[in-house]
């Protein structure tokens, strides 16, 4: 690692430590060095040095404005042609970009997911985020975390075990500078959160539950991370049906190998009640469209269209119901 990479990493890690101290997360603080070392293990993740170098080489810019509260998270800045080409080539070294979109001046990172559409569906139903402490579980590169900060959250912790997403976050944090200082990233999964922490006002888990072999254990982990009275925002794949309907796919669902249980919304409400939550309600449910998840020049691999039956888009290539997602909001009782 170069001296520039060391300075970049150390500065960001210091910010994370100080934020944990400021938020009173002392019981977690002692675990951070080990968790960061494991999540950013260069022997395990051989691409990390290249991602580090790409972020370290991003140009220093002087934005006129920073936008966290609009669909295109990013900055207003004049980019010379050479600066634009440099930003684009370096940022594409971090591809594939899954969640977004983002904007650096006139340069738009057109991500696989229109994550702004999901936020538009969720935001009207949230408790006021102003001043809240938020945990975003499986938050990808942090797009929704930036939106949470834009809505007034005082402290946002994005956790995701992908080191690629971590370095995408770091690239964006470079451009957002002080305006993005309330959003932090730890490259871990939910299992790294200390048991019975009871620290967060709002916990988001979006696109995670169906990847968990034991979804009820995941719900309890989310419950334990919330303070009494705190709010859970859960988004996951569901199927149509009554409270007894749960789909257990075979080896793959929509070409994904790690999908376990897809409940109906009614079944999911029962799971939440059994896990201790109160007031669970479905605030949105809809099929995922080909205009919301698709391949782009920033994510050139297969996407949703390739995972559906070419003759019948109501089914996956395996013959299961096509992806349908629900958003459920619930609370930990006081």
Protein backbone atom coordinates (compact mmCIF):
# COMPACT_ATOMS: atom_id res chain seq x y z
CA UNK A 1 0.00 0.00 0.00
CA UNK A 2 1.35 3.45 -0.87
CA UNK A 3 1.75 6.26 1.68
CA UNK A 4 -1.26 7.98 0.07
CA UNK A 5 -3.38 4.85 0.53
CA UNK A 6 -2.26 4.56 4.19
CA UNK A 7 -3.19 8.20 4.88
CA UNK A 8 -6.53 7.78 3.12
CA UNK A 9 -7.44 4.63 5.10
CA UNK A 10 -6.20 5.93 8.43
CA UNK A 11 -8.10 9.20 8.14
CA UNK A 12 -11.35 7.45 7.30
CA UNK A 13 -10.92 4.90 10.07
CA UNK A 14 -10.22 7.67 12.59
CA UNK A 15 -13.46 9.36 11.57
CA UNK A 16 -15.29 6.08 12.14
CA UNK A 17 -13.74 5.59 15.60
CA UNK A 18 -14.55 9.15 16.65
CA UNK A 19 -18.11 8.79 15.38
CA UNK A 20 -18.58 5.62 17.45
CA UNK A 21 -17.27 7.46 20.51
CA UNK A 22 -19.57 10.43 19.87
CA UNK A 23 -22.55 8.10 19.49
CA UNK A 24 -21.80 6.20 22.69
CA UNK A 25 -21.20 2.91 20.86
CA UNK A 26 -18.46 1.96 23.31
CA UNK A 27 -19.43 -1.71 23.42
CA UNK A 28 -18.77 -1.94 19.68
CA UNK A 29 -15.67 0.25 19.57
CA UNK A 30 -13.18 -2.38 20.74
CA UNK A 31 -14.24 -4.70 17.90
CA UNK A 32 -13.69 -2.20 15.10
CA UNK A 33 -10.00 -2.88 14.37
CA UNK A 34 -10.60 -6.61 14.00
CA UNK A 35 -13.75 -6.10 11.92
CA UNK A 36 -12.06 -3.63 9.59
CA UNK A 37 -9.05 -5.89 9.19
CA UNK A 38 -11.23 -8.88 8.31
CA UNK A 39 -13.53 -6.94 5.98
CA UNK A 40 -10.62 -5.36 4.11
CA UNK A 41 -8.25 -8.33 4.12
CA UNK A 42 -6.03 -7.87 1.07
CA UNK A 43 -5.10 -11.55 1.00
CA UNK A 44 -8.73 -12.59 0.86
CA UNK A 45 -9.83 -9.82 -1.53
CA UNK A 46 -7.14 -9.47 -4.16
CA UNK A 47 -8.82 -6.55 -5.97
CA UNK A 48 -8.55 -4.20 -2.99
CA UNK A 49 -5.16 -2.68 -3.92
CA UNK A 50 -6.50 -1.64 -7.33
CA UNK A 51 -9.62 -0.09 -5.81
CA UNK A 52 -7.50 1.76 -3.24
CA UNK A 53 -5.28 3.20 -5.95
CA UNK A 54 -8.30 4.29 -8.01
CA UNK A 55 -9.82 6.20 -5.09
CA UNK A 56 -6.47 7.73 -4.11
CA UNK A 57 -6.07 9.09 -7.68
CA UNK A 58 -9.45 10.83 -7.85
CA UNK A 59 -9.00 14.56 -8.44
CA UNK A 60 -9.64 17.12 -5.75
CA UNK A 61 -12.66 19.17 -6.77
CA UNK A 62 -14.33 22.30 -5.38
CA UNK A 63 -18.09 21.74 -5.69
CA UNK A 64 -20.51 24.66 -5.73
CA UNK A 65 -23.12 22.51 -3.98
CA UNK A 66 -23.61 19.00 -2.62
CA UNK A 67 -26.91 17.17 -3.00
CA UNK A 68 -27.95 14.37 -0.63
CA UNK A 69 -31.66 15.15 -0.74
CA UNK A 70 -32.36 14.50 -4.43
CA UNK A 71 -32.46 11.46 -6.70
CA UNK A 72 -29.03 12.11 -8.22
CA UNK A 73 -26.84 12.16 -5.14
CA UNK A 74 -23.72 14.13 -5.94
CA UNK A 75 -22.16 17.51 -6.52
CA UNK A 76 -22.44 20.58 -8.72
CA UNK A 77 -18.99 21.20 -10.14
CA UNK A 78 -17.39 22.38 -13.37
CA UNK A 79 -15.30 19.56 -14.82
CA UNK A 80 -12.72 20.15 -17.51
CA UNK A 81 -12.75 17.45 -20.19
CA UNK A 82 -9.59 15.89 -18.77
CA UNK A 83 -11.04 15.85 -15.23
CA UNK A 84 -14.24 14.25 -16.45
CA UNK A 85 -12.38 11.54 -18.34
CA UNK A 86 -10.16 10.90 -15.34
CA UNK A 87 -13.12 10.61 -12.95
CA UNK A 88 -15.00 8.33 -15.31
CA UNK A 89 -12.08 5.98 -15.95
CA UNK A 90 -11.17 5.72 -12.25
CA UNK A 91 -14.76 5.23 -11.09
CA UNK A 92 -15.33 2.54 -13.71
CA UNK A 93 -12.44 0.60 -12.19
CA UNK A 94 -14.80 0.09 -9.23
CA UNK A 95 -17.54 -1.44 -11.43
CA UNK A 96 -20.05 -2.99 -11.34
CA UNK A 97 -22.06 -0.18 -9.79
CA UNK A 98 -25.29 -1.68 -8.42
CA UNK A 99 -26.98 1.07 -6.37
CA UNK A 100 -27.43 4.71 -7.27
CA UNK A 101 -27.63 6.91 -9.37
CA UNK A 102 -24.91 9.47 -8.66
CA UNK A 103 -23.69 12.65 -10.33
CA UNK A 104 -20.28 14.33 -10.34
CA UNK A 105 -20.88 17.52 -12.30
CA UNK A 106 -22.20 16.36 -15.67
CA UNK A 107 -20.85 12.83 -15.16
CA UNK A 108 -23.73 10.50 -14.20
CA UNK A 109 -23.11 7.04 -12.72
CA UNK A 110 -26.09 5.18 -14.17
CA UNK A 111 -26.29 2.21 -11.83
CA UNK A 112 -28.01 -1.15 -12.32
CA UNK A 113 -30.75 -0.26 -9.82
CA UNK A 114 -32.82 2.93 -9.85
CA UNK A 115 -32.46 3.02 -6.08
CA UNK A 116 -34.07 6.46 -6.10
CA UNK A 117 -37.36 4.85 -7.12
CA UNK A 118 -37.24 2.61 -4.06
CA UNK A 119 -36.53 5.62 -1.86
CA UNK A 120 -39.47 7.49 -3.37
CA UNK A 121 -41.76 4.60 -2.43
CA UNK A 122 -40.39 4.28 1.10
CA UNK A 123 -39.75 7.87 2.21
CA UNK A 124 -43.38 8.99 2.67
CA UNK A 125 -43.95 6.24 5.23
CA UNK A 126 -40.89 6.76 7.43
CA UNK A 127 -40.83 8.28 10.86
CA UNK A 128 -39.09 11.66 10.64
CA UNK A 129 -35.37 10.90 10.28
CA UNK A 130 -34.28 14.30 11.53
CA UNK A 131 -31.68 13.84 14.26
CA UNK A 132 -31.99 10.06 14.28
CA UNK A 133 -29.30 7.39 14.60
CA UNK A 134 -29.72 4.96 11.67
CA UNK A 135 -28.33 1.54 10.75
CA UNK A 136 -28.55 0.47 7.09
CA UNK A 137 -27.99 -3.29 6.89
CA UNK A 138 -26.73 -4.57 3.52
CA UNK A 139 -26.67 -1.00 2.28
CA UNK A 140 -24.48 -1.59 -0.79
CA UNK A 141 -22.32 1.43 -1.60
CA UNK A 142 -24.41 3.69 0.61
CA UNK A 143 -26.91 5.30 -1.76
CA UNK A 144 -29.81 5.05 0.66
CA UNK A 145 -27.50 6.04 3.50
CA UNK A 146 -26.80 9.35 1.75
CA UNK A 147 -30.55 9.83 1.26
CA UNK A 148 -31.11 9.18 4.98
CA UNK A 149 -28.55 11.87 5.80
CA UNK A 150 -30.23 14.15 3.29
CA UNK A 151 -33.47 13.62 5.20
CA UNK A 152 -31.78 14.84 8.39
CA UNK A 153 -30.38 11.73 10.08
CA UNK A 154 -27.62 12.70 12.52
CA UNK A 155 -25.62 9.46 12.21
CA UNK A 156 -25.92 6.79 9.53
CA UNK A 157 -23.96 3.55 9.67
CA UNK A 158 -24.01 1.50 6.48
CA UNK A 159 -22.88 -2.09 6.91
CA UNK A 160 -22.18 -4.39 3.98
CA UNK A 161 -19.54 -7.14 3.75
CA UNK A 162 -18.57 -6.29 0.15
CA UNK A 163 -15.18 -4.52 -0.05
CA UNK A 164 -16.08 -3.32 -3.56
CA UNK A 165 -19.06 -1.45 -2.14
CA UNK A 166 -16.81 -0.06 0.59
CA UNK A 167 -14.46 1.46 -1.98
CA UNK A 168 -17.37 2.79 -4.04
CA UNK A 169 -18.56 4.48 -0.84
CA UNK A 170 -15.07 5.86 -0.29
CA UNK A 171 -15.00 7.31 -3.82
CA UNK A 172 -18.30 9.07 -3.26
CA UNK A 173 -17.26 10.22 0.20
CA UNK A 174 -14.20 11.82 -1.44
CA UNK A 175 -16.44 14.02 -3.59
CA UNK A 176 -19.14 14.71 -0.99
CA UNK A 177 -16.47 15.74 1.54
CA UNK A 178 -17.78 17.30 4.75
CA UNK A 179 -21.40 17.19 3.54
CA UNK A 180 -21.18 13.39 3.65
CA UNK A 181 -19.57 13.20 7.08
CA UNK A 182 -22.68 11.85 8.81
CA UNK A 183 -22.59 8.64 6.74
CA UNK A 184 -20.13 5.93 7.75
CA UNK A 185 -19.40 2.49 6.33
CA UNK A 186 -18.25 -0.68 8.05
CA UNK A 187 -17.50 -3.70 5.79
CA UNK A 188 -19.32 -6.30 7.89
CA UNK A 189 -22.62 -8.17 7.98
CA UNK A 190 -25.37 -7.99 10.60
CA UNK A 191 -23.71 -10.76 12.62
CA UNK A 192 -20.91 -8.29 13.49
CA UNK A 193 -23.32 -5.99 15.34
CA UNK A 194 -22.98 -6.60 19.11
CA UNK A 195 -25.86 -8.62 20.54
CA UNK A 196 -28.70 -6.69 22.17
CA UNK A 197 -27.13 -3.36 21.24
CA UNK A 198 -30.49 -1.50 21.33
CA UNK A 199 -28.83 1.64 19.96
CA UNK A 200 -30.53 2.72 16.72
CA UNK A 201 -33.65 4.82 16.23
CA UNK A 202 -34.22 3.37 12.75
CA UNK A 203 -32.89 0.17 11.20
CA UNK A 204 -33.18 -0.51 7.47
CA UNK A 205 -32.82 -4.01 6.01
CA UNK A 206 -33.48 -3.90 2.28
CA UNK A 207 -32.74 -6.79 -0.04
CA UNK A 208 -31.22 -8.94 2.70
CA UNK A 209 -33.84 -11.19 4.29
CA UNK A 210 -34.16 -13.65 1.40
CA UNK A 211 -30.39 -14.21 1.48
CA UNK A 212 -30.53 -15.40 5.09
CA UNK A 213 -30.74 -19.13 5.72
CA UNK A 214 -32.68 -18.36 8.90
CA UNK A 215 -34.84 -15.27 8.28
CA UNK A 216 -36.34 -15.32 11.77
CA UNK A 217 -32.85 -15.09 13.25
CA UNK A 218 -32.22 -12.09 11.00
CA UNK A 219 -35.40 -10.40 12.19
CA UNK A 220 -34.32 -10.91 15.78
CA UNK A 221 -30.90 -9.41 15.02
CA UNK A 222 -32.65 -6.34 13.61
CA UNK A 223 -34.92 -6.20 16.66
CA UNK A 224 -31.93 -6.29 19.01
CA UNK A 225 -30.18 -3.44 17.17
CA UNK A 226 -33.17 -1.13 17.69
CA UNK A 227 -33.81 0.96 20.77
CA UNK A 228 -37.22 0.45 22.41
CA UNK A 229 -39.72 2.34 20.28
CA UNK A 230 -37.38 2.32 17.28
CA UNK A 231 -38.54 1.70 13.71
CA UNK A 232 -37.67 -1.16 11.36
CA UNK A 233 -37.87 -0.66 7.59
CA UNK A 234 -37.81 -4.06 5.93
CA UNK A 235 -37.78 -4.58 2.16
CA UNK A 236 -37.61 -8.06 0.70
CA UNK A 237 -38.78 -10.41 -2.03
CA UNK A 238 -42.26 -11.80 -1.49
CA UNK A 239 -44.78 -13.97 -3.29
CA UNK A 240 -48.51 -13.59 -3.61
CA UNK A 241 -50.61 -15.66 -1.25
CA UNK A 242 -52.11 -16.02 2.19
CA UNK A 243 -50.38 -16.21 5.57
CA UNK A 244 -49.38 -19.82 4.98
CA UNK A 245 -47.68 -19.18 1.64
CA UNK A 246 -43.86 -19.42 1.68
CA UNK A 247 -41.73 -20.34 -1.34
CA UNK A 248 -38.55 -22.36 -0.85
CA UNK A 249 -36.77 -22.23 -4.24
CA UNK A 250 -34.37 -24.85 -5.52
CA UNK A 251 -30.68 -24.15 -6.06
CA UNK A 252 -31.35 -20.86 -7.83
CA UNK A 253 -34.02 -18.17 -7.95
CA UNK A 254 -33.72 -15.63 -10.79
CA UNK A 255 -30.20 -17.03 -11.25
CA UNK A 256 -29.28 -16.15 -7.65
CA UNK A 257 -27.79 -19.14 -5.79
CA UNK A 258 -28.29 -17.83 -2.25
CA UNK A 259 -32.05 -17.30 -1.99
CA UNK A 260 -33.78 -19.20 0.78
CA UNK A 261 -37.35 -18.33 1.78
CA UNK A 262 -39.78 -16.01 -0.01
CA UNK A 263 -42.88 -15.47 2.14
CA UNK A 264 -46.11 -13.78 1.25
CA UNK A 265 -46.56 -10.37 2.85
CA UNK A 266 -49.14 -11.89 5.17
CA UNK A 267 -46.68 -14.57 6.28
CA UNK A 268 -43.99 -11.95 6.77
CA UNK A 269 -46.25 -9.96 9.07
CA UNK A 270 -46.63 -13.10 11.18
CA UNK A 271 -42.86 -13.59 11.25
CA UNK A 272 -42.42 -10.03 12.49
CA UNK A 273 -45.02 -10.50 15.23
CA UNK A 274 -43.38 -13.75 16.35
CA UNK A 275 -40.03 -11.92 16.43
CA UNK A 276 -41.37 -9.36 18.89
CA UNK A 277 -42.24 -6.44 16.61
CA UNK A 278 -45.45 -4.47 16.92
CA UNK A 279 -47.54 -2.46 14.49
CA UNK A 280 -46.16 -4.19 11.38
CA UNK A 281 -47.79 -2.94 8.19
CA UNK A 282 -47.16 -3.29 4.47
CA UNK A 283 -46.61 0.15 2.96
CA UNK A 284 -45.65 -0.89 -0.57
CA UNK A 285 -45.72 -4.03 -2.69
CA UNK A 286 -44.97 -4.24 -6.40
CA UNK A 287 -43.36 -6.32 -9.11
CA UNK A 288 -39.83 -5.28 -10.04
CA UNK A 289 -39.78 -3.74 -13.51
CA UNK A 290 -37.16 -3.99 -16.24
CA UNK A 291 -36.74 -0.21 -16.11
CA UNK A 292 -35.85 -0.32 -12.40
CA UNK A 293 -33.18 -3.04 -12.59
CA UNK A 294 -31.18 -3.26 -15.80
CA UNK A 295 -27.72 -3.45 -17.33
CA UNK A 296 -25.96 -0.13 -18.02
CA UNK A 297 -22.48 0.99 -19.05
CA UNK A 298 -21.68 1.08 -15.31
CA UNK A 299 -22.99 -2.47 -14.76
CA UNK A 300 -22.43 -4.44 -17.94
CA UNK A 301 -23.24 -7.92 -16.65
CA UNK A 302 -26.55 -9.76 -16.83
CA UNK A 303 -29.47 -8.13 -15.07
CA UNK A 304 -33.18 -8.71 -14.46
CA UNK A 305 -34.17 -9.19 -18.12
CA UNK A 306 -31.75 -12.11 -18.37
CA UNK A 307 -33.21 -13.73 -15.25
CA UNK A 308 -36.81 -13.85 -16.51
CA UNK A 309 -38.47 -16.35 -18.83
CA UNK A 310 -38.05 -14.73 -22.26
CA UNK A 311 -41.54 -15.89 -23.26
CA UNK A 312 -43.28 -14.93 -20.02
CA UNK A 313 -41.87 -12.17 -17.83
CA UNK A 314 -44.22 -13.15 -15.01
CA UNK A 315 -41.83 -16.05 -14.33
CA UNK A 316 -38.13 -16.44 -13.65
CA UNK A 317 -36.00 -18.60 -15.92
CA UNK A 318 -36.48 -21.38 -13.35
CA UNK A 319 -40.27 -21.09 -13.55
CA UNK A 320 -40.86 -19.33 -10.20
CA UNK A 321 -42.94 -16.15 -9.82
CA UNK A 322 -40.97 -13.13 -11.03
CA UNK A 323 -39.41 -10.83 -8.41
CA UNK A 324 -41.94 -8.95 -6.34
CA UNK A 325 -40.88 -6.76 -3.43
CA UNK A 326 -42.68 -5.54 -0.36
CA UNK A 327 -41.81 -2.86 2.18
CA UNK A 328 -42.93 -3.44 5.74
CA UNK A 329 -42.54 -0.98 8.60
CA UNK A 330 -42.70 -2.18 12.19
CA UNK A 331 -41.57 -1.07 15.63
CA UNK A 332 -39.78 -2.49 18.61
CA UNK A 333 -42.20 -2.04 21.52
CA UNK A 334 -41.25 0.49 24.18
